[in-house]
Amino acid sequence: MDATAEQRVRALCAEISPGMSIDSLRSFAASHGMKYPSQGSGVNYLVESRTFGRYGCRVDTEIGVVKLSAFSLAD
């Protein structure tokens, strides 16, 4: 299951693109069962609930806009 979960979440992280608004990011997270992004500027971790927070995306935002998204593993 881990390889499948990792592949799935990596693909989700790749869909989060620079320039995406925080509102779009929140909608994206909600539609994919991920933790809601809490801040418009700084680092957000969007973890997938079905992996109990083990797999997720680190999303850097600045003034309500995504600057960077990367896969994150909490091991």
PDB file of N, CA and C in Angstrom:
ATOM      1  N   MET A   1       0.817  -1.203   0.000  1.00  0.00           N
ATOM      2  CA  MET A   1       0.000   0.000   0.000  1.00  0.00           C
ATOM      3  C   MET A   1       0.861   1.269   0.000  1.00  0.00           C
ATOM      4  N   ASP A   2       1.991   1.238   0.703  1.00  0.00           N
ATOM      5  CA  ASP A   2       2.808   2.446   0.822  1.00  0.00           C
ATOM      6  C   ASP A   2       3.259   2.992  -0.524  1.00  0.00           C
ATOM      7  N   ALA A   3       3.714   2.123  -1.419  1.00  0.00           N
ATOM      8  CA  ALA A   3       4.173   2.605  -2.722  1.00  0.00           C
ATOM      9  C   ALA A   3       3.021   3.254  -3.479  1.00  0.00           C
ATOM     10  N   THR A   4       1.837   2.652  -3.424  1.00  0.00           N
ATOM     11  CA  THR A   4       0.674   3.207  -4.095  1.00  0.00           C
ATOM     12  C   THR A   4       0.285   4.548  -3.483  1.00  0.00           C
ATOM     13  N   ALA A   5       0.260   4.624  -2.149  1.00  0.00           N
ATOM     14  CA  ALA A   5      -0.073   5.874  -1.463  1.00  0.00           C
ATOM     15  C   ALA A   5       0.958   6.953  -1.806  1.00  0.00           C
ATOM     16  N   GLU A   6       2.220   6.585  -1.799  1.00  0.00           N
ATOM     17  CA  GLU A   6       3.265   7.550  -2.121  1.00  0.00           C
ATOM     18  C   GLU A   6       3.104   8.070  -3.547  1.00  0.00           C
ATOM     19  N   GLN A   7       2.857   7.173  -4.479  1.00  0.00           N
ATOM     20  CA  GLN A   7       2.685   7.587  -5.873  1.00  0.00           C
ATOM     21  C   GLN A   7       1.476   8.509  -6.025  1.00  0.00           C
ATOM     22  N   ARG A   8       0.384   8.155  -5.335  1.00  0.00           N
ATOM     23  CA  ARG A   8      -0.841   8.958  -5.414  1.00  0.00           C
ATOM     24  C   ARG A   8      -0.598  10.369  -4.878  1.00  0.00           C
ATOM     25  N   VAL A   9       0.050  10.466  -3.723  1.00  0.00           N
ATOM     26  CA  VAL A   9       0.268  11.780  -3.117  1.00  0.00           C
ATOM     27  C   VAL A   9       1.313  12.572  -3.904  1.00  0.00           C
ATOM     28  N   ARG A  10       2.337  11.913  -4.409  1.00  0.00           N
ATOM     29  CA  ARG A  10       3.307  12.619  -5.259  1.00  0.00           C
ATOM     30  C   ARG A  10       2.604  13.254  -6.459  1.00  0.00           C
ATOM     31  N   ALA A  11       1.662  12.518  -7.044  1.00  0.00           N
ATOM     32  CA  ALA A  11       0.913  13.042  -8.191  1.00  0.00           C
ATOM     33  C   ALA A  11       0.055  14.241  -7.771  1.00  0.00           C
ATOM     34  N   LEU A  12      -0.551  14.175  -6.587  1.00  0.00           N
ATOM     35  CA  LEU A  12      -1.338  15.308  -6.097  1.00  0.00           C
ATOM     36  C   LEU A  12      -0.457  16.536  -5.901  1.00  0.00           C
ATOM     37  N   CYS A  13       0.717  16.346  -5.314  1.00  0.00           N
ATOM     38  CA  CYS A  13       1.630  17.470  -5.088  1.00  0.00           C
ATOM     39  C   CYS A  13       2.037  18.113  -6.409  1.00  0.00           C
ATOM     40  N   ALA A  14       2.202  17.293  -7.428  1.00  0.00           N
ATOM     41  CA  ALA A  14       2.596  17.804  -8.750  1.00  0.00           C
ATOM     42  C   ALA A  14       1.486  18.646  -9.378  1.00  0.00           C
ATOM     43  N   GLU A  15       0.230  18.425  -8.969  1.00  0.00           N
ATOM     44  CA  GLU A  15      -0.898  19.200  -9.495  1.00  0.00           C
ATOM     45  C   GLU A  15      -0.986  20.598  -8.875  1.00  0.00           C
ATOM     46  N   ILE A  16      -0.320  20.804  -7.754  1.00  0.00           N
ATOM     47  CA  ILE A  16      -0.343  22.110  -7.090  1.00  0.00           C
ATOM     48  C   ILE A  16       0.739  22.962  -7.738  1.00  0.00           C
ATOM     49  N   SER A  17       0.308  23.964  -8.483  1.00  0.00           N
ATOM     50  CA  SER A  17       1.275  24.720  -9.272  1.00  0.00           C
ATOM     51  C   SER A  17       1.501  26.127  -8.722  1.00  0.00           C
ATOM     52  N   PRO A  18       2.716  26.638  -8.942  1.00  0.00           N
ATOM     53  CA  PRO A  18       2.994  28.027  -8.558  1.00  0.00           C
ATOM     54  C   PRO A  18       1.978  28.961  -9.215  1.00  0.00           C
ATOM     55  N   GLY A  19       1.526  29.948  -8.455  1.00  0.00           N
ATOM     56  CA  GLY A  19       0.546  30.899  -8.959  1.00  0.00           C
ATOM     57  C   GLY A  19      -0.877  30.564  -8.538  1.00  0.00           C
ATOM     58  N   MET A  20      -1.106  29.319  -8.051  1.00  0.00           N
ATOM     59  CA  MET A  20      -2.440  28.919  -7.591  1.00  0.00           C
ATOM     60  C   MET A  20      -2.810  29.763  -6.371  1.00  0.00           C
ATOM     61  N   SER A  21      -4.037  30.238  -6.318  1.00  0.00           N
ATOM     62  CA  SER A  21      -4.472  31.046  -5.179  1.00  0.00           C
ATOM     63  C   SER A  21      -4.726  30.160  -3.964  1.00  0.00           C
ATOM     64  N   ILE A  22      -4.693  30.751  -2.779  1.00  0.00           N
ATOM     65  CA  ILE A  22      -4.947  30.006  -1.546  1.00  0.00           C
ATOM     66  C   ILE A  22      -6.367  29.451  -1.546  1.00  0.00           C
ATOM     67  N   ASP A  23      -7.319  30.171  -2.126  1.00  0.00           N
ATOM     68  CA  ASP A  23      -8.689  29.662  -2.207  1.00  0.00           C
ATOM     69  C   ASP A  23      -8.764  28.419  -3.094  1.00  0.00           C
ATOM     70  N   SER A  24      -8.061  28.445  -4.215  1.00  0.00           N
ATOM     71  CA  SER A  24      -8.014  27.270  -5.102  1.00  0.00           C
ATOM     72  C   SER A  24      -7.311  26.103  -4.398  1.00  0.00           C
ATOM     73  N   LEU A  25      -6.272  26.421  -3.654  1.00  0.00           N
ATOM     74  CA  LEU A  25      -5.545  25.400  -2.910  1.00  0.00           C
ATOM     75  C   LEU A  25      -6.445  24.761  -1.856  1.00  0.00           C
ATOM     76  N   ARG A  26      -7.233  25.555  -1.172  1.00  0.00           N
ATOM     77  CA  ARG A  26      -8.168  25.031  -0.166  1.00  0.00           C
ATOM     78  C   ARG A  26      -9.209  24.124  -0.811  1.00  0.00           C
ATOM     79  N   SER A  27      -9.741  24.524  -1.950  1.00  0.00           N
ATOM     80  CA  SER A  27     -10.715  23.688  -2.676  1.00  0.00           C
ATOM     81  C   SER A  27     -10.069  22.379  -3.125  1.00  0.00           C
ATOM     82  N   PHE A  28      -8.855  22.470  -3.640  1.00  0.00           N
ATOM     83  CA  PHE A  28      -8.109  21.296  -4.075  1.00  0.00           C
ATOM     84  C   PHE A  28      -7.909  20.333  -2.908  1.00  0.00           C
ATOM     85  N   ALA A  29      -7.457  20.873  -1.775  1.00  0.00           N
ATOM     86  CA  ALA A  29      -7.221  20.046  -0.590  1.00  0.00           C
ATOM     87  C   ALA A  29      -8.505  19.359  -0.137  1.00  0.00           C
ATOM     88  N   ALA A  30      -9.588  20.090  -0.076  1.00  0.00           N
ATOM     89  CA  ALA A  30     -10.873  19.530   0.360  1.00  0.00           C
ATOM     90  C   ALA A  30     -11.343  18.423  -0.580  1.00  0.00           C
ATOM     91  N   SER A  31     -11.175  18.609  -1.871  1.00  0.00           N
ATOM     92  CA  SER A  31     -11.657  17.623  -2.832  1.00  0.00           C
ATOM     93  C   SER A  31     -10.810  16.350  -2.865  1.00  0.00           C
ATOM     94  N   HIS A  32      -9.596  16.413  -2.287  1.00  0.00           N
ATOM     95  CA  HIS A  32      -8.713  15.248  -2.277  1.00  0.00           C
ATOM     96  C   HIS A  32      -8.475  14.693  -0.877  1.00  0.00           C
ATOM     97  N   GLY A  33      -9.297  15.096   0.084  1.00  0.00           N
ATOM     98  CA  GLY A  33      -9.181  14.562   1.440  1.00  0.00           C
ATOM     99  C   GLY A  33      -7.895  14.947   2.136  1.00  0.00           C
ATOM    100  N   MET A  34      -7.452  16.162   1.867  1.00  0.00           N
ATOM    101  CA  MET A  34      -6.210  16.636   2.476  1.00  0.00           C
ATOM    102  C   MET A  34      -6.511  17.715   3.502  1.00  0.00           C
ATOM    103  N   LYS A  35      -5.586  17.878   4.452  1.00  0.00           N
ATOM    104  CA  LYS A  35      -5.719  18.906   5.470  1.00  0.00           C
ATOM    105  C   LYS A  35      -5.806  20.273   4.805  1.00  0.00           C
ATOM    106  N   TYR A  36      -6.663  21.090   5.348  1.00  0.00           N
ATOM    107  CA  TYR A  36      -6.912  22.444   4.856  1.00  0.00           C
ATOM    108  C   TYR A  36      -5.699  23.338   5.099  1.00  0.00           C
ATOM    109  N   PRO A  37      -5.218  24.066   4.097  1.00  0.00           N
ATOM    110  CA  PRO A  37      -4.092  24.981   4.325  1.00  0.00           C
ATOM    111  C   PRO A  37      -4.494  26.098   5.274  1.00  0.00           C
ATOM    112  N   SER A  38      -3.665  26.368   6.267  1.00  0.00           N
ATOM    113  CA  SER A  38      -4.040  27.308   7.315  1.00  0.00           C
ATOM    114  C   SER A  38      -3.517  28.727   7.127  1.00  0.00           C
ATOM    115  N   GLN A  39      -2.485  28.899   6.350  1.00  0.00           N
ATOM    116  CA  GLN A  39      -1.924  30.244   6.218  1.00  0.00           C
ATOM    117  C   GLN A  39      -1.737  30.669   4.772  1.00  0.00           C
ATOM    118  N   GLY A  40      -1.948  31.949   4.543  1.00  0.00           N
ATOM    119  CA  GLY A  40      -1.784  32.513   3.206  1.00  0.00           C
ATOM    120  C   GLY A  40      -0.352  32.842   2.883  1.00  0.00           C
ATOM    121  N   SER A  41       0.489  32.961   3.906  1.00  0.00           N
ATOM    122  CA  SER A  41       1.919  33.195   3.713  1.00  0.00           C
ATOM    123  C   SER A  41       2.685  32.288   4.666  1.00  0.00           C
ATOM    124  N   GLY A  42       3.677  31.586   4.131  1.00  0.00           N
ATOM    125  CA  GLY A  42       4.469  30.684   4.945  1.00  0.00           C
ATOM    126  C   GLY A  42       4.397  29.268   4.403  1.00  0.00           C
ATOM    127  N   VAL A  43       4.628  28.303   5.289  1.00  0.00           N
ATOM    128  CA  VAL A  43       4.661  26.894   4.905  1.00  0.00           C
ATOM    129  C   VAL A  43       3.399  26.199   5.406  1.00  0.00           C
ATOM    130  N   ASN A  44       2.731  25.498   4.507  1.00  0.00           N
ATOM    131  CA  ASN A  44       1.577  24.669   4.837  1.00  0.00           C
ATOM    132  C   ASN A  44       1.918  23.228   4.506  1.00  0.00           C
ATOM    133  N   TYR A  45       1.477  22.313   5.350  1.00  0.00           N
ATOM    134  CA  TYR A  45       1.599  20.891   5.051  1.00  0.00           C
ATOM    135  C   TYR A  45       0.204  20.358   4.808  1.00  0.00           C
ATOM    136  N   LEU A  46      -0.058  19.927   3.594  1.00  0.00           N
ATOM    137  CA  LEU A  46      -1.337  19.343   3.223  1.00  0.00           C
ATOM    138  C   LEU A  46      -1.154  17.836   3.246  1.00  0.00           C
ATOM    139  N   VAL A  47      -1.578  17.218   4.332  1.00  0.00           N
ATOM    140  CA  VAL A  47      -1.409  15.779   4.470  1.00  0.00           C
ATOM    141  C   VAL A  47      -2.701  15.070   4.111  1.00  0.00           C
ATOM    142  N   GLU A  48      -2.550  13.879   3.594  1.00  0.00           N
ATOM    143  CA  GLU A  48      -3.703  13.098   3.171  1.00  0.00           C
ATOM    144  C   GLU A  48      -4.235  12.312   4.369  1.00  0.00           C
ATOM    145  N   SER A  49      -5.510  12.464   4.672  1.00  0.00           N
ATOM    146  CA  SER A  49      -6.099  11.802   5.836  1.00  0.00           C
ATOM    147  C   SER A  49      -6.091  10.283   5.707  1.00  0.00           C
ATOM    148  N   ARG A  50      -6.241   9.762   4.495  1.00  0.00           N
ATOM    149  CA  ARG A  50      -6.284   8.308   4.364  1.00  0.00           C
ATOM    150  C   ARG A  50      -4.939   7.639   4.596  1.00  0.00           C
ATOM    151  N   THR A  51      -3.852   8.399   4.658  1.00  0.00           N
ATOM    152  CA  THR A  51      -2.550   7.836   5.019  1.00  0.00           C
ATOM    153  C   THR A  51      -2.178   8.255   6.440  1.00  0.00           C
ATOM    154  N   PHE A  52      -3.173   8.727   7.195  1.00  0.00           N
ATOM    155  CA  PHE A  52      -2.986   9.161   8.579  1.00  0.00           C
ATOM    156  C   PHE A  52      -1.899  10.220   8.714  1.00  0.00           C
ATOM    157  N   GLY A  53      -1.789  11.084   7.709  1.00  0.00           N
ATOM    158  CA  GLY A  53      -0.840  12.187   7.750  1.00  0.00           C
ATOM    159  C   GLY A  53       0.581  11.819   7.404  1.00  0.00           C
ATOM    160  N   ARG A  54       0.799  10.581   7.006  1.00  0.00           N
ATOM    161  CA  ARG A  54       2.167  10.162   6.683  1.00  0.00           C
ATOM    162  C   ARG A  54       2.664  10.785   5.383  1.00  0.00           C
ATOM    163  N   TYR A  55       1.790  10.875   4.398  1.00  0.00           N
ATOM    164  CA  TYR A  55       2.156  11.425   3.098  1.00  0.00           C
ATOM    165  C   TYR A  55       1.435  12.748   2.881  1.00  0.00           C
ATOM    166  N   GLY A  56       2.145  13.700   2.305  1.00  0.00           N
ATOM    167  CA  GLY A  56       1.525  14.989   2.033  1.00  0.00           C
ATOM    168  C   GLY A  56       2.393  15.856   1.144  1.00  0.00           C
ATOM    169  N   CYS A  57       1.990  17.106   1.080  1.00  0.00           N
ATOM    170  CA  CYS A  57       2.696  18.085   0.263  1.00  0.00           C
ATOM    171  C   CYS A  57       3.103  19.262   1.145  1.00  0.00           C
ATOM    172  N   ARG A  58       4.329  19.685   1.003  1.00  0.00           N
ATOM    173  CA  ARG A  58       4.765  20.929   1.621  1.00  0.00           C
ATOM    174  C   ARG A  58       4.485  22.005   0.584  1.00  0.00           C
ATOM    175  N   VAL A  59       3.692  22.990   0.978  1.00  0.00           N
ATOM    176  CA  VAL A  59       3.321  24.053   0.054  1.00  0.00           C
ATOM    177  C   VAL A  59       3.743  25.392   0.657  1.00  0.00           C
ATOM    178  N   ASP A  60       4.645  26.073  -0.028  1.00  0.00           N
ATOM    179  CA  ASP A  60       5.083  27.407   0.394  1.00  0.00           C
ATOM    180  C   ASP A  60       4.193  28.435  -0.279  1.00  0.00           C
ATOM    181  N   THR A  61       3.625  29.324   0.532  1.00  0.00           N
ATOM    182  CA  THR A  61       2.759  30.369  -0.007  1.00  0.00           C
ATOM    183  C   THR A  61       3.268  31.739   0.407  1.00  0.00           C
ATOM    184  N   GLU A  62       2.923  32.716  -0.409  1.00  0.00           N
ATOM    185  CA  GLU A  62       3.293  34.101  -0.120  1.00  0.00           C
ATOM    186  C   GLU A  62       2.141  34.993  -0.559  1.00  0.00           C
ATOM    187  N   ILE A  63       1.601  35.740   0.387  1.00  0.00           N
ATOM    188  CA  ILE A  63       0.490  36.664   0.137  1.00  0.00           C
ATOM    189  C   ILE A  63      -0.649  35.973  -0.629  1.00  0.00           C
ATOM    190  N   GLY A  64      -1.028  34.767  -0.162  1.00  0.00           N
ATOM    191  CA  GLY A  64      -2.175  34.074  -0.730  1.00  0.00           C
ATOM    192  C   GLY A  64      -1.954  33.379  -2.048  1.00  0.00           C
ATOM    193  N   VAL A  65      -0.681  33.183  -2.443  1.00  0.00           N
ATOM    194  CA  VAL A  65      -0.362  32.547  -3.728  1.00  0.00           C
ATOM    195  C   VAL A  65       0.695  31.463  -3.497  1.00  0.00           C
ATOM    196  N   VAL A  66       0.505  30.313  -4.133  1.00  0.00           N
ATOM    197  CA  VAL A  66       1.467  29.213  -4.038  1.00  0.00           C
ATOM    198  C   VAL A  66       2.758  29.603  -4.747  1.00  0.00           C
ATOM    199  N   LYS A  67       3.876  29.402  -4.060  1.00  0.00           N
ATOM    200  CA  LYS A  67       5.194  29.644  -4.653  1.00  0.00           C
ATOM    201  C   LYS A  67       5.886  28.334  -5.017  1.00  0.00           C
ATOM    202  N   LEU A  68       5.640  27.273  -4.209  1.00  0.00           N
ATOM    203  CA  LEU A  68       6.334  26.005  -4.400  1.00  0.00           C
ATOM    204  C   LEU A  68       5.531  24.888  -3.755  1.00  0.00           C
ATOM    205  N   SER A  69       5.527  23.723  -4.385  1.00  0.00           N
ATOM    206  CA  SER A  69       4.887  22.540  -3.809  1.00  0.00           C
ATOM    207  C   SER A  69       5.869  21.371  -3.960  1.00  0.00           C
ATOM    208  N   ALA A  70       6.000  20.582  -2.894  1.00  0.00           N
ATOM    209  CA  ALA A  70       6.894  19.425  -2.937  1.00  0.00           C
ATOM    210  C   ALA A  70       6.315  18.296  -2.093  1.00  0.00           C
ATOM    211  N   PHE A  71       6.571  17.064  -2.496  1.00  0.00           N
ATOM    212  CA  PHE A  71       6.151  15.887  -1.743  1.00  0.00           C
ATOM    213  C   PHE A  71       6.827  15.890  -0.378  1.00  0.00           C
ATOM    214  N   SER A  72       6.095  15.439   0.641  1.00  0.00           N
ATOM    215  CA  SER A  72       6.628  15.387   1.996  1.00  0.00           C
ATOM    216  C   SER A  72       6.243  14.065   2.642  1.00  0.00           C
ATOM    217  N   LEU A  73       7.185  13.434   3.327  1.00  0.00           N
ATOM    218  CA  LEU A  73       6.952  12.173   4.009  1.00  0.00           C
ATOM    219  C   LEU A  73       7.262  12.347   5.488  1.00  0.00           C
ATOM    220  N   ALA A  74       6.299  12.050   6.339  1.00  0.00           N
ATOM    221  CA  ALA A  74       6.501  12.091   7.791  1.00  0.00           C
ATOM    222  C   ALA A  74       6.746  10.657   8.233  1.00  0.00           C
ATOM    223  N   ASP A  75       7.988  10.332   8.497  1.00  0.00           N
ATOM    224  CA  ASP A  75       8.334   8.956   8.830  1.00  0.00           C
ATOM    225  C   ASP A  75       8.722   8.819  10.265  1.00  0.00           C
TER     226      ASP A  75
END
